[in-house]
Amino acid sequence: MTDPRKALVLFSGGQDSTTCLAWALDRYAEVETLGFDYGQRHRIELDCRGGVRDEIAKLRPDWAAKLGADHLLDLSLLGQISDTALTSERAIELQANGLPNTFVPGRNLLFLTFAATLAYRRSASVLVGGMCETDFSGYPDCRDNTMKAMQVALSLGLDAPMTLDTPLMFIDKAATWRLTEQLGGAALVDLVVEHTHTCYLGERGQRHDWGYGCGHCPACALRAKGFAAYRGDA
């Protein structure tokens, strides 16, 4: 049965958020999308968003009917103060604290705060994000406890219930590919491969069997490993 609530999907144009968009379209009566321009090095992902939305609407008429407005917020200030490998041209490496320098401090906390603000104005009560603590780079703002704390804080601060759905939280990349197939069959898997962008370096020249990317950054490595396991090659 369709959940009558409206959902707002944090939609970057990457693999995980595209799977989350399909997941939300399969469940909620109305779905809108939200992207953030924070000066990310891989800004090409934002250029992919419109095409992914167009293609996913073609897969099923009921999804097309549910897919509402898209929003893009300018959070360039975050890029100015973060000084990370995702917001500047520098080598990707581990920091002294054990976290990769692709970690953008406060990014998901800010994303969810702005998303909840927009959701409140748009009469949406569900936020959907691709955060995951199973197959990820160790980011503390991707953990389930962080999401639970944010759900409580946002609901209290807005004096309105705000649900945070994270369908990928406890599954790895191989399972994410399988979920994609379950939601939209081979057509959705092909869409993710051909139209989404996940590479940290923003490279889109080379097409691999799992999609476009440099092939060696942490995001590409995770995606390739998961795809191989999904296809039974690993």
Protein backbone atom coordinates (compact mmCIF):
# COMPACT_ATOMS: atom_id res chain seq x y z
CA MET A 1 0.00 0.00 0.00
CA THR A 2 1.16 3.54 -0.75
CA ASP A 3 2.13 5.67 2.23
CA PRO A 4 0.06 8.88 1.94
CA ARG A 5 2.88 11.12 3.16
CA LYS A 6 5.08 13.33 0.99
CA ALA A 7 8.80 12.54 0.97
CA LEU A 8 11.80 14.71 0.15
CA VAL A 9 14.79 12.75 -1.17
CA LEU A 10 18.32 14.08 -0.69
CA PHE A 11 19.31 13.52 -4.30
CA SER A 12 22.88 14.11 -5.46
CA GLY A 13 22.71 12.38 -8.82
CA GLY A 14 24.82 9.45 -7.59
CA GLN A 15 24.14 5.73 -7.33
CA ASP A 16 22.96 5.62 -3.73
CA SER A 17 20.62 8.60 -3.92
CA THR A 18 19.14 7.30 -7.18
CA THR A 19 18.35 3.98 -5.53
CA CYS A 20 16.82 5.91 -2.64
CA LEU A 21 14.72 7.93 -5.08
CA ALA A 22 13.34 4.73 -6.63
CA TRP A 23 12.75 3.34 -3.13
CA ALA A 24 10.77 6.46 -2.15
CA LEU A 25 8.77 6.49 -5.38
CA ASP A 26 7.81 2.87 -4.67
CA ARG A 27 6.43 3.81 -1.23
CA TYR A 28 5.19 7.37 -0.91
CA ALA A 29 2.30 9.21 -2.49
CA GLU A 30 4.42 12.16 -3.57
CA VAL A 31 8.17 12.59 -3.84
CA GLU A 32 10.29 15.69 -4.34
CA THR A 33 14.07 15.88 -4.69
CA LEU A 34 16.72 18.15 -3.22
CA GLY A 35 20.34 18.67 -4.22
CA PHE A 36 23.13 20.77 -2.73
CA ASP A 37 25.85 22.76 -4.46
CA TYR A 38 28.57 23.09 -1.84
CA GLY A 39 31.55 23.60 -4.11
CA GLN A 40 32.13 19.86 -4.44
CA ARG A 41 35.04 18.77 -6.61
CA HIS A 42 32.75 16.28 -8.32
CA ARG A 43 30.18 18.93 -9.22
CA ILE A 44 29.42 17.02 -12.40
CA GLU A 45 27.03 14.96 -10.26
CA LEU A 46 24.71 17.98 -10.21
CA ASP A 47 24.66 18.00 -14.01
CA CYS A 48 23.47 14.37 -13.94
CA ARG A 49 20.50 14.98 -11.65
CA GLY A 50 18.03 16.20 -14.26
CA GLY A 51 18.77 13.35 -16.65
CA VAL A 52 18.41 10.75 -13.90
CA ARG A 53 15.05 12.21 -12.87
CA ASP A 54 13.85 12.18 -16.49
CA GLU A 55 14.95 8.59 -17.04
CA ILE A 56 13.54 7.23 -13.79
CA ALA A 57 10.15 8.78 -14.60
CA LYS A 58 10.12 6.80 -17.85
CA LEU A 59 10.45 3.45 -16.09
CA ARG A 60 7.00 3.34 -14.52
CA PRO A 61 3.93 5.54 -15.06
CA ASP A 62 3.09 5.49 -11.35
CA TRP A 63 6.58 6.77 -10.51
CA ALA A 64 6.22 9.57 -13.07
CA ALA A 65 2.90 10.57 -11.48
CA LYS A 66 4.46 10.71 -8.01
CA LEU A 67 7.64 12.59 -8.92
CA GLY A 68 7.25 16.22 -7.95
CA ALA A 69 9.45 19.30 -7.93
CA ASP A 70 13.24 19.37 -7.79
CA HIS A 71 15.17 21.84 -5.65
CA LEU A 72 18.84 22.85 -5.63
CA LEU A 73 20.29 24.83 -2.72
CA ASP A 74 23.50 26.86 -2.77
CA LEU A 75 25.65 25.82 0.20
CA SER A 76 28.91 27.16 -1.21
CA LEU A 77 29.85 28.53 2.21
CA LEU A 78 30.35 24.92 3.35
CA GLY A 79 32.95 24.41 0.64
CA GLN A 80 34.72 27.60 1.65
CA ILE A 81 35.23 26.53 5.25
CA SER A 82 35.62 22.75 4.95
CA ASP A 83 39.08 22.43 3.29
CA THR A 84 38.73 18.77 2.24
CA ALA A 85 39.64 16.58 -0.71
CA LEU A 86 36.01 16.79 -1.86
CA THR A 87 36.08 20.58 -2.06
CA SER A 88 39.63 21.25 -3.30
CA GLU A 89 42.21 19.76 -5.66
CA ARG A 90 44.30 17.61 -3.34
CA ALA A 91 45.28 13.98 -2.93
CA ILE A 92 42.83 11.69 -1.16
CA GLU A 93 44.47 10.27 1.97
CA LEU A 94 43.87 9.38 5.60
CA GLN A 95 44.13 12.13 8.22
CA ALA A 96 45.80 11.87 11.62
CA ASN A 97 42.41 11.20 13.24
CA GLY A 98 41.89 8.11 11.08
CA LEU A 99 39.22 9.66 8.86
CA PRO A 100 39.79 10.14 5.12
CA ASN A 101 40.24 13.75 4.05
CA THR A 102 37.14 13.34 1.88
CA PHE A 103 35.12 13.79 5.08
CA VAL A 104 33.33 17.16 4.97
CA PRO A 105 32.65 18.05 8.63
CA GLY A 106 28.99 18.77 9.32
CA ARG A 107 27.89 18.10 5.75
CA ASN A 108 25.05 15.67 6.45
CA LEU A 109 24.00 17.62 9.54
CA LEU A 110 23.62 20.76 7.45
CA PHE A 111 22.02 18.88 4.57
CA LEU A 112 19.36 17.42 6.85
CA THR A 113 18.70 20.73 8.58
CA PHE A 114 18.14 22.53 5.28
CA ALA A 115 16.17 19.58 3.93
CA ALA A 116 13.88 19.60 6.94
CA THR A 117 13.36 23.34 6.57
CA LEU A 118 12.37 22.90 2.94
CA ALA A 119 10.25 19.85 3.75
CA TYR A 120 8.35 21.81 6.38
CA ARG A 121 7.53 24.52 3.85
CA ARG A 122 6.57 21.93 1.20
CA SER A 123 4.33 19.95 3.61
CA ALA A 124 6.61 16.91 3.48
CA SER A 125 7.18 14.89 6.64
CA VAL A 126 9.71 12.30 5.42
CA LEU A 127 13.36 12.83 4.50
CA VAL A 128 15.08 10.05 2.54
CA GLY A 129 18.87 9.82 2.39
CA GLY A 130 21.49 7.36 1.21
CA MET A 131 23.55 7.36 4.42
CA CYS A 132 25.14 3.99 5.15
CA GLU A 133 27.38 2.68 7.91
CA THR A 134 28.02 -0.77 6.44
CA ASP A 135 30.02 -0.10 3.28
CA PHE A 136 31.32 3.44 3.67
CA SER A 137 34.42 5.53 4.39
CA GLY A 138 34.01 5.88 8.14
CA TYR A 139 32.14 9.19 8.11
CA PRO A 140 30.59 9.75 11.57
CA ASP A 141 27.65 11.70 10.10
CA CYS A 142 26.57 8.60 8.15
CA ARG A 143 25.99 6.48 11.24
CA ASP A 144 22.53 5.29 12.26
CA ASN A 145 22.86 6.88 15.72
CA THR A 146 23.56 10.24 14.09
CA MET A 147 20.44 9.88 11.95
CA LYS A 148 18.30 8.92 14.95
CA ALA A 149 19.58 11.93 16.89
CA MET A 150 18.89 14.24 13.95
CA GLN A 151 15.35 12.87 13.57
CA VAL A 152 14.62 13.69 17.20
CA ALA A 153 16.24 17.13 17.02
CA LEU A 154 14.48 18.13 13.78
CA SER A 155 11.08 16.92 14.99
CA LEU A 156 11.47 18.80 18.26
CA GLY A 157 12.88 21.93 16.64
CA LEU A 158 10.09 22.12 14.06
CA ASP A 159 7.40 20.96 16.50
CA ALA A 160 6.30 18.58 13.76
CA PRO A 161 7.10 14.90 13.17
CA MET A 162 9.97 14.47 10.69
CA THR A 163 10.90 10.91 9.73
CA LEU A 164 14.41 10.16 8.43
CA ASP A 165 14.43 7.10 6.17
CA THR A 166 17.83 5.59 5.33
CA PRO A 167 17.09 2.43 3.32
CA LEU A 168 20.79 1.71 2.65
CA MET A 169 21.98 2.09 6.25
CA PHE A 170 22.77 -1.56 6.96
CA ILE A 171 23.47 -2.98 3.50
CA ASP A 172 26.67 -3.08 1.47
CA LYS A 173 27.17 -1.92 -2.12
CA ALA A 174 26.41 -5.35 -3.57
CA ALA A 175 23.09 -5.34 -1.72
CA THR A 176 22.45 -1.81 -2.98
CA TRP A 177 22.78 -3.06 -6.55
CA ARG A 178 20.42 -5.93 -5.72
CA LEU A 179 17.91 -3.52 -4.18
CA THR A 180 18.10 -1.43 -7.35
CA GLU A 181 17.22 -4.48 -9.42
CA GLN A 182 14.38 -5.42 -7.08
CA LEU A 183 12.90 -1.94 -7.39
CA GLY A 184 13.16 -1.41 -11.13
CA GLY A 185 14.62 -4.50 -12.77
CA ALA A 186 17.49 -4.47 -15.23
CA ALA A 187 16.25 -1.15 -16.62
CA LEU A 188 16.92 0.64 -13.34
CA VAL A 189 20.33 -1.01 -12.99
CA ASP A 190 21.20 0.16 -16.51
CA LEU A 191 19.97 3.65 -15.65
CA VAL A 192 22.26 3.78 -12.61
CA VAL A 193 25.24 2.59 -14.65
CA GLU A 194 24.67 4.97 -17.54
CA HIS A 195 23.28 8.15 -16.01
CA THR A 196 24.41 8.53 -12.39
CA HIS A 197 27.76 9.87 -11.14
CA THR A 198 29.59 8.85 -7.96
CA CYS A 199 33.34 9.36 -8.67
CA TYR A 200 34.99 11.72 -6.14
CA LEU A 201 37.28 13.18 -8.81
CA GLY A 202 34.40 14.08 -11.08
CA GLU A 203 35.80 12.10 -14.00
CA ARG A 204 33.23 10.98 -16.54
CA GLY A 205 35.35 10.11 -19.55
CA GLN A 206 35.78 6.38 -18.99
CA ARG A 207 32.82 4.00 -18.78
CA HIS A 208 33.29 0.84 -16.75
CA ASP A 209 30.78 -1.99 -16.46
CA TRP A 210 29.61 -0.38 -13.19
CA GLY A 211 29.41 3.17 -14.54
CA TYR A 212 31.59 6.22 -15.20
CA GLY A 213 34.52 7.31 -13.06
CA CYS A 214 38.26 7.41 -12.52
CA GLY A 215 38.24 3.81 -11.32
CA HIS A 216 40.59 4.28 -8.38
CA CYS A 217 39.15 6.80 -5.90
CA PRO A 218 37.40 5.35 -2.80
CA ALA A 219 33.93 5.93 -4.28
CA CYS A 220 34.81 4.15 -7.54
CA ALA A 221 36.54 1.31 -5.68
CA LEU A 222 33.49 0.68 -3.50
CA ARG A 223 31.14 0.84 -6.45
CA ALA A 224 33.23 -1.52 -8.58
CA LYS A 225 33.70 -4.04 -5.76
CA GLY A 226 29.98 -4.02 -5.00
CA PHE A 227 29.05 -4.44 -8.65
CA ALA A 228 31.42 -7.39 -9.03
CA ALA A 229 29.92 -9.08 -5.97
CA TYR A 230 26.40 -8.33 -7.27
CA ARG A 231 27.27 -9.95 -10.59
CA GLY A 232 28.88 -12.90 -8.86
CA ASP A 233 32.38 -12.11 -10.08
CA ALA A 234 33.91 -11.76 -6.62
